[in-house]
Amino acid sequence: MELNDLQMLAVAEAMGKAIKDVTNPRGGTHGAPTLRTDCDDALRADFEASGTDRRRIVINGQEVGTLSARLSKPESGTRVVMDKDFDLVDWLRHSDGGFDALLRLVRDPKTRDAIIAAATADGELPDGCRVEQYSKPAAWLGTTLRVSVPKVGAALGAELPSAVMGLLGGGED
């Protein structure tokens, strides 16, 4: 049987869903425990207890991979921290250095929107600002693909090896 591109996409999506069911059998909610997070948590516990930062994955005597910790580089140094927010605000409002700091923040596109949002949070329109209308046309964001794993399994049942067919649930709904 030869499949067209859309049919091949459906088969690949069904296989991906079936694999996710194996690696995440408890559901796909964000933050829910998965087979991967269970393994990650076990390695982290070993790292915290004994410094182990990797595990070899061996199946039938053959090393097939590793699970390794990604670690940040240690750092140390000095930094300025704020102890009293009102004192910092007073310095920003009444010193030349504070004025220069605020000007840098307002001119930086990365921080400007946050400053304007904070300044207008109580409904006041600060000097130097104005309200404008804008519109943004609809934009292409992609597509949504839904594939029924059992239906794909049933449709391709005789064409698939038994191991793959079992993963797809044998075509049962």
C-alpha atoms as a PDB file:
ATOM      1  CA  MET A   1       0.000   0.000   0.000  1.00  0.00           C
ATOM      2  CA  GLU A   2       1.365   3.395  -0.949  1.00  0.00           C
ATOM      3  CA  LEU A   3       0.285   6.381   1.141  1.00  0.00           C
ATOM      4  CA  ASN A   4       0.037   9.998   0.076  1.00  0.00           C
ATOM      5  CA  ASP A   5       1.604  12.763   2.183  1.00  0.00           C
ATOM      6  CA  LEU A   6      -1.529  13.454   4.232  1.00  0.00           C
ATOM      7  CA  GLN A   7      -2.008   9.744   4.952  1.00  0.00           C
ATOM      8  CA  MET A   8       1.659   9.415   5.987  1.00  0.00           C
ATOM      9  CA  LEU A   9       1.207  12.442   8.270  1.00  0.00           C
ATOM     10  CA  ALA A  10      -1.803  10.756   9.892  1.00  0.00           C
ATOM     11  CA  VAL A  11       0.182   7.548  10.471  1.00  0.00           C
ATOM     12  CA  ALA A  12       3.120   9.486  11.941  1.00  0.00           C
ATOM     13  CA  GLU A  13       0.789  11.478  14.211  1.00  0.00           C
ATOM     14  CA  ALA A  14      -0.907   8.283  15.392  1.00  0.00           C
ATOM     15  CA  MET A  15       2.463   6.724  16.173  1.00  0.00           C
ATOM     16  CA  GLY A  16       3.491   9.865  18.064  1.00  0.00           C
ATOM     17  CA  LYS A  17       0.312   9.739  20.140  1.00  0.00           C
ATOM     18  CA  ALA A  18       0.794   6.050  20.843  1.00  0.00           C
ATOM     19  CA  ILE A  19       4.371   6.670  21.962  1.00  0.00           C
ATOM     20  CA  LYS A  20       3.227   9.547  24.198  1.00  0.00           C
ATOM     21  CA  ASP A  21       0.737   7.138  25.792  1.00  0.00           C
ATOM     22  CA  VAL A  22       3.677   4.885  26.695  1.00  0.00           C
ATOM     23  CA  THR A  23       5.959   7.655  27.980  1.00  0.00           C
ATOM     24  CA  ASN A  24       3.193   9.657  29.677  1.00  0.00           C
ATOM     25  CA  PRO A  25       0.427   7.223  30.674  1.00  0.00           C
ATOM     26  CA  ARG A  26      -0.925   9.500  33.410  1.00  0.00           C
ATOM     27  CA  GLY A  27      -2.141  12.208  31.067  1.00  0.00           C
ATOM     28  CA  GLY A  28      -0.688  15.154  29.251  1.00  0.00           C
ATOM     29  CA  THR A  29      -1.385  17.920  31.732  1.00  0.00           C
ATOM     30  CA  HIS A  30       1.478  20.347  32.172  1.00  0.00           C
ATOM     31  CA  GLY A  31       3.530  19.502  35.221  1.00  0.00           C
ATOM     32  CA  ALA A  32       2.002  16.047  35.682  1.00  0.00           C
ATOM     33  CA  PRO A  33       4.436  13.232  36.458  1.00  0.00           C
ATOM     34  CA  THR A  34       5.573  11.234  33.430  1.00  0.00           C
ATOM     35  CA  LEU A  35       7.892   8.311  32.853  1.00  0.00           C
ATOM     36  CA  ARG A  36      10.535  10.896  31.871  1.00  0.00           C
ATOM     37  CA  THR A  37      10.038  13.061  34.959  1.00  0.00           C
ATOM     38  CA  ASP A  38      10.151   9.951  37.164  1.00  0.00           C
ATOM     39  CA  CYS A  39      13.566   9.060  35.684  1.00  0.00           C
ATOM     40  CA  ASP A  40      14.732  12.687  35.915  1.00  0.00           C
ATOM     41  CA  ASP A  41      13.642  12.898  39.555  1.00  0.00           C
ATOM     42  CA  ALA A  42      15.477   9.678  40.418  1.00  0.00           C
ATOM     43  CA  LEU A  43      18.689  10.978  38.824  1.00  0.00           C
ATOM     44  CA  ARG A  44      18.306  14.305  40.625  1.00  0.00           C
ATOM     45  CA  ALA A  45      17.870  12.505  43.955  1.00  0.00           C
ATOM     46  CA  ASP A  46      21.057  10.505  43.268  1.00  0.00           C
ATOM     47  CA  PHE A  47      22.881  13.708  42.285  1.00  0.00           C
ATOM     48  CA  GLU A  48      21.834  15.445  45.494  1.00  0.00           C
ATOM     49  CA  ALA A  49      22.711  12.388  47.610  1.00  0.00           C
ATOM     50  CA  SER A  50      25.966  11.263  46.012  1.00  0.00           C
ATOM     51  CA  GLY A  51      26.893  13.517  43.080  1.00  0.00           C
ATOM     52  CA  THR A  52      25.816  11.016  40.380  1.00  0.00           C
ATOM     53  CA  ASP A  53      25.244  13.057  37.236  1.00  0.00           C
ATOM     54  CA  ARG A  54      24.483  10.331  34.676  1.00  0.00           C
ATOM     55  CA  ARG A  55      23.088   6.863  34.272  1.00  0.00           C
ATOM     56  CA  ARG A  56      23.967   4.378  31.578  1.00  0.00           C
ATOM     57  CA  ILE A  57      20.965   2.750  29.914  1.00  0.00           C
ATOM     58  CA  VAL A  58      21.658  -0.935  29.323  1.00  0.00           C
ATOM     59  CA  ILE A  59      19.219  -3.356  27.684  1.00  0.00           C
ATOM     60  CA  ASN A  60      20.108  -7.049  27.317  1.00  0.00           C
ATOM     61  CA  GLY A  61      23.731  -6.255  28.120  1.00  0.00           C
ATOM     62  CA  GLN A  62      24.020  -3.544  25.472  1.00  0.00           C
ATOM     63  CA  GLU A  63      24.446   0.116  26.354  1.00  0.00           C
ATOM     64  CA  VAL A  64      21.786   1.960  24.404  1.00  0.00           C
ATOM     65  CA  GLY A  65      22.146   5.434  25.849  1.00  0.00           C
ATOM     66  CA  THR A  66      22.526   7.606  28.879  1.00  0.00           C
ATOM     67  CA  LEU A  67      20.461   9.902  31.020  1.00  0.00           C
ATOM     68  CA  SER A  68      22.674  12.821  31.996  1.00  0.00           C
ATOM     69  CA  ALA A  69      22.111  15.827  34.200  1.00  0.00           C
ATOM     70  CA  ARG A  70      22.528  19.257  32.650  1.00  0.00           C
ATOM     71  CA  LEU A  71      24.162  21.430  35.282  1.00  0.00           C
ATOM     72  CA  SER A  72      24.670  25.152  35.428  1.00  0.00           C
ATOM     73  CA  LYS A  73      28.164  26.421  35.937  1.00  0.00           C
ATOM     74  CA  PRO A  74      28.821  27.429  39.518  1.00  0.00           C
ATOM     75  CA  GLU A  75      29.139  31.153  39.982  1.00  0.00           C
ATOM     76  CA  SER A  76      30.123  33.564  42.683  1.00  0.00           C
ATOM     77  CA  GLY A  77      30.777  37.249  42.871  1.00  0.00           C
ATOM     78  CA  THR A  78      29.313  40.441  44.184  1.00  0.00           C
ATOM     79  CA  ARG A  79      26.026  42.084  43.268  1.00  0.00           C
ATOM     80  CA  VAL A  80      23.797  44.910  44.382  1.00  0.00           C
ATOM     81  CA  VAL A  81      20.518  43.937  46.069  1.00  0.00           C
ATOM     82  CA  MET A  82      17.614  46.124  47.188  1.00  0.00           C
ATOM     83  CA  ASP A  83      16.871  46.330  50.909  1.00  0.00           C
ATOM     84  CA  LYS A  84      14.262  49.115  50.946  1.00  0.00           C
ATOM     85  CA  ASP A  85      12.090  49.734  47.896  1.00  0.00           C
ATOM     86  CA  PHE A  86      10.971  53.208  49.037  1.00  0.00           C
ATOM     87  CA  ASP A  87      14.590  54.328  49.393  1.00  0.00           C
ATOM     88  CA  LEU A  88      15.361  53.144  45.865  1.00  0.00           C
ATOM     89  CA  VAL A  89      12.293  54.936  44.475  1.00  0.00           C
ATOM     90  CA  ASP A  90      13.313  58.117  46.298  1.00  0.00           C
ATOM     91  CA  TRP A  91      16.813  57.858  44.803  1.00  0.00           C
ATOM     92  CA  LEU A  92      15.356  57.299  41.322  1.00  0.00           C
ATOM     93  CA  ARG A  93      13.113  60.368  41.694  1.00  0.00           C
ATOM     94  CA  HIS A  94      15.566  62.826  43.216  1.00  0.00           C
ATOM     95  CA  SER A  95      19.107  62.055  42.031  1.00  0.00           C
ATOM     96  CA  ASP A  96      20.887  62.621  38.746  1.00  0.00           C
ATOM     97  CA  GLY A  97      21.927  58.949  38.711  1.00  0.00           C
ATOM     98  CA  GLY A  98      18.319  57.911  39.264  1.00  0.00           C
ATOM     99  CA  PHE A  99      17.165  60.122  36.412  1.00  0.00           C
ATOM    100  CA  ASP A 100      19.779  58.581  34.116  1.00  0.00           C
ATOM    101  CA  ALA A 101      18.734  55.065  35.146  1.00  0.00           C
ATOM    102  CA  LEU A 102      15.055  55.789  34.448  1.00  0.00           C
ATOM    103  CA  LEU A 103      15.893  57.339  31.085  1.00  0.00           C
ATOM    104  CA  ARG A 104      17.839  54.205  30.090  1.00  0.00           C
ATOM    105  CA  LEU A 105      14.877  52.011  31.096  1.00  0.00           C
ATOM    106  CA  VAL A 106      12.335  54.125  29.205  1.00  0.00           C
ATOM    107  CA  ARG A 107      14.459  54.182  26.054  1.00  0.00           C
ATOM    108  CA  ASP A 108      15.040  50.410  26.078  1.00  0.00           C
ATOM    109  CA  PRO A 109      12.295  48.611  24.090  1.00  0.00           C
ATOM    110  CA  LYS A 110      12.679  45.568  26.373  1.00  0.00           C
ATOM    111  CA  THR A 111      11.621  47.511  29.490  1.00  0.00           C
ATOM    112  CA  ARG A 112       9.536  50.381  28.061  1.00  0.00           C
ATOM    113  CA  ASP A 113       6.211  48.491  27.858  1.00  0.00           C
ATOM    114  CA  ALA A 114       6.517  47.252  31.451  1.00  0.00           C
ATOM    115  CA  ILE A 115       7.170  50.797  32.676  1.00  0.00           C
ATOM    116  CA  ILE A 116       4.175  52.184  30.736  1.00  0.00           C
ATOM    117  CA  ALA A 117       1.960  49.363  32.056  1.00  0.00           C
ATOM    118  CA  ALA A 118       3.026  50.105  35.628  1.00  0.00           C
ATOM    119  CA  ALA A 119       2.608  53.863  35.150  1.00  0.00           C
ATOM    120  CA  THR A 120      -0.941  53.506  33.756  1.00  0.00           C
ATOM    121  CA  ALA A 121      -2.102  50.743  36.137  1.00  0.00           C
ATOM    122  CA  ASP A 122      -4.212  53.187  38.186  1.00  0.00           C
ATOM    123  CA  GLY A 123      -5.829  54.741  35.099  1.00  0.00           C
ATOM    124  CA  GLU A 124      -3.598  57.813  34.928  1.00  0.00           C
ATOM    125  CA  LEU A 125      -2.083  58.802  31.569  1.00  0.00           C
ATOM    126  CA  PRO A 126       1.468  59.987  32.294  1.00  0.00           C
ATOM    127  CA  ASP A 127       2.923  63.067  30.616  1.00  0.00           C
ATOM    128  CA  GLY A 128       4.690  62.155  27.385  1.00  0.00           C
ATOM    129  CA  CYS A 129       2.241  59.346  26.617  1.00  0.00           C
ATOM    130  CA  ARG A 130      -0.882  59.173  24.452  1.00  0.00           C
ATOM    131  CA  VAL A 131      -3.556  56.625  23.677  1.00  0.00           C
ATOM    132  CA  GLU A 132      -3.686  55.358  20.101  1.00  0.00           C
ATOM    133  CA  GLN A 133      -5.836  52.870  18.235  1.00  0.00           C
ATOM    134  CA  TYR A 134      -4.169  49.973  16.511  1.00  0.00           C
ATOM    135  CA  SER A 135      -5.227  46.903  14.622  1.00  0.00           C
ATOM    136  CA  LYS A 136      -3.427  43.739  13.775  1.00  0.00           C
ATOM    137  CA  PRO A 137      -4.773  41.621  10.923  1.00  0.00           C
ATOM    138  CA  ALA A 138      -5.374  37.924  11.362  1.00  0.00           C
ATOM    139  CA  ALA A 139      -2.216  35.915  10.841  1.00  0.00           C
ATOM    140  CA  TRP A 140      -1.615  32.298   9.960  1.00  0.00           C
ATOM    141  CA  LEU A 141      -0.736  30.386  13.112  1.00  0.00           C
ATOM    142  CA  GLY A 142      -0.636  26.850  11.758  1.00  0.00           C
ATOM    143  CA  THR A 143      -3.112  23.990  11.698  1.00  0.00           C
ATOM    144  CA  THR A 144      -4.602  21.486  14.106  1.00  0.00           C
ATOM    145  CA  LEU A 145      -4.323  17.805  13.302  1.00  0.00           C
ATOM    146  CA  ARG A 146      -6.448  15.208  15.053  1.00  0.00           C
ATOM    147  CA  VAL A 147      -5.883  11.544  14.352  1.00  0.00           C
ATOM    148  CA  SER A 148      -7.602   8.554  15.901  1.00  0.00           C
ATOM    149  CA  VAL A 149      -4.920   6.066  16.852  1.00  0.00           C
ATOM    150  CA  PRO A 150      -7.266   3.047  16.848  1.00  0.00           C
ATOM    151  CA  LYS A 151      -8.721   3.976  13.472  1.00  0.00           C
ATOM    152  CA  VAL A 152      -5.283   4.306  11.897  1.00  0.00           C
ATOM    153  CA  GLY A 153      -4.379   0.951  13.436  1.00  0.00           C
ATOM    154  CA  ALA A 154      -7.512  -0.642  11.998  1.00  0.00           C
ATOM    155  CA  ALA A 155      -6.946   0.911   8.590  1.00  0.00           C
ATOM    156  CA  LEU A 156      -3.372  -0.319   8.317  1.00  0.00           C
ATOM    157  CA  GLY A 157      -3.676  -3.473  10.443  1.00  0.00           C
ATOM    158  CA  ALA A 158      -2.509  -6.010   7.860  1.00  0.00           C
ATOM    159  CA  GLU A 159       0.257  -3.697   6.662  1.00  0.00           C
ATOM    160  CA  LEU A 160       1.951  -3.233  10.042  1.00  0.00           C
ATOM    161  CA  PRO A 161       4.303  -5.483  11.986  1.00  0.00           C
ATOM    162  CA  SER A 162       2.623  -7.007  15.042  1.00  0.00           C
ATOM    163  CA  ALA A 163       4.731  -4.930  17.474  1.00  0.00           C
ATOM    164  CA  VAL A 164       3.591  -1.702  15.839  1.00  0.00           C
ATOM    165  CA  MET A 165       0.019  -2.953  15.637  1.00  0.00           C
ATOM    166  CA  GLY A 166       0.093  -3.709  19.348  1.00  0.00           C
ATOM    167  CA  LEU A 167       1.333  -0.177  20.049  1.00  0.00           C
ATOM    168  CA  LEU A 168      -1.592   1.209  18.078  1.00  0.00           C
ATOM    169  CA  GLY A 169      -4.012  -0.904  20.103  1.00  0.00           C
ATOM    170  CA  GLY A 170      -4.796  -3.454  17.434  1.00  0.00           C
ATOM    171  CA  GLY A 171      -7.316  -1.184  15.776  1.00  0.00           C
ATOM    172  CA  GLU A 172      -9.769  -1.421  18.688  1.00  0.00           C
ATOM    173  CA  ASP A 173     -11.648   1.763  19.605  1.00  0.00           C
END
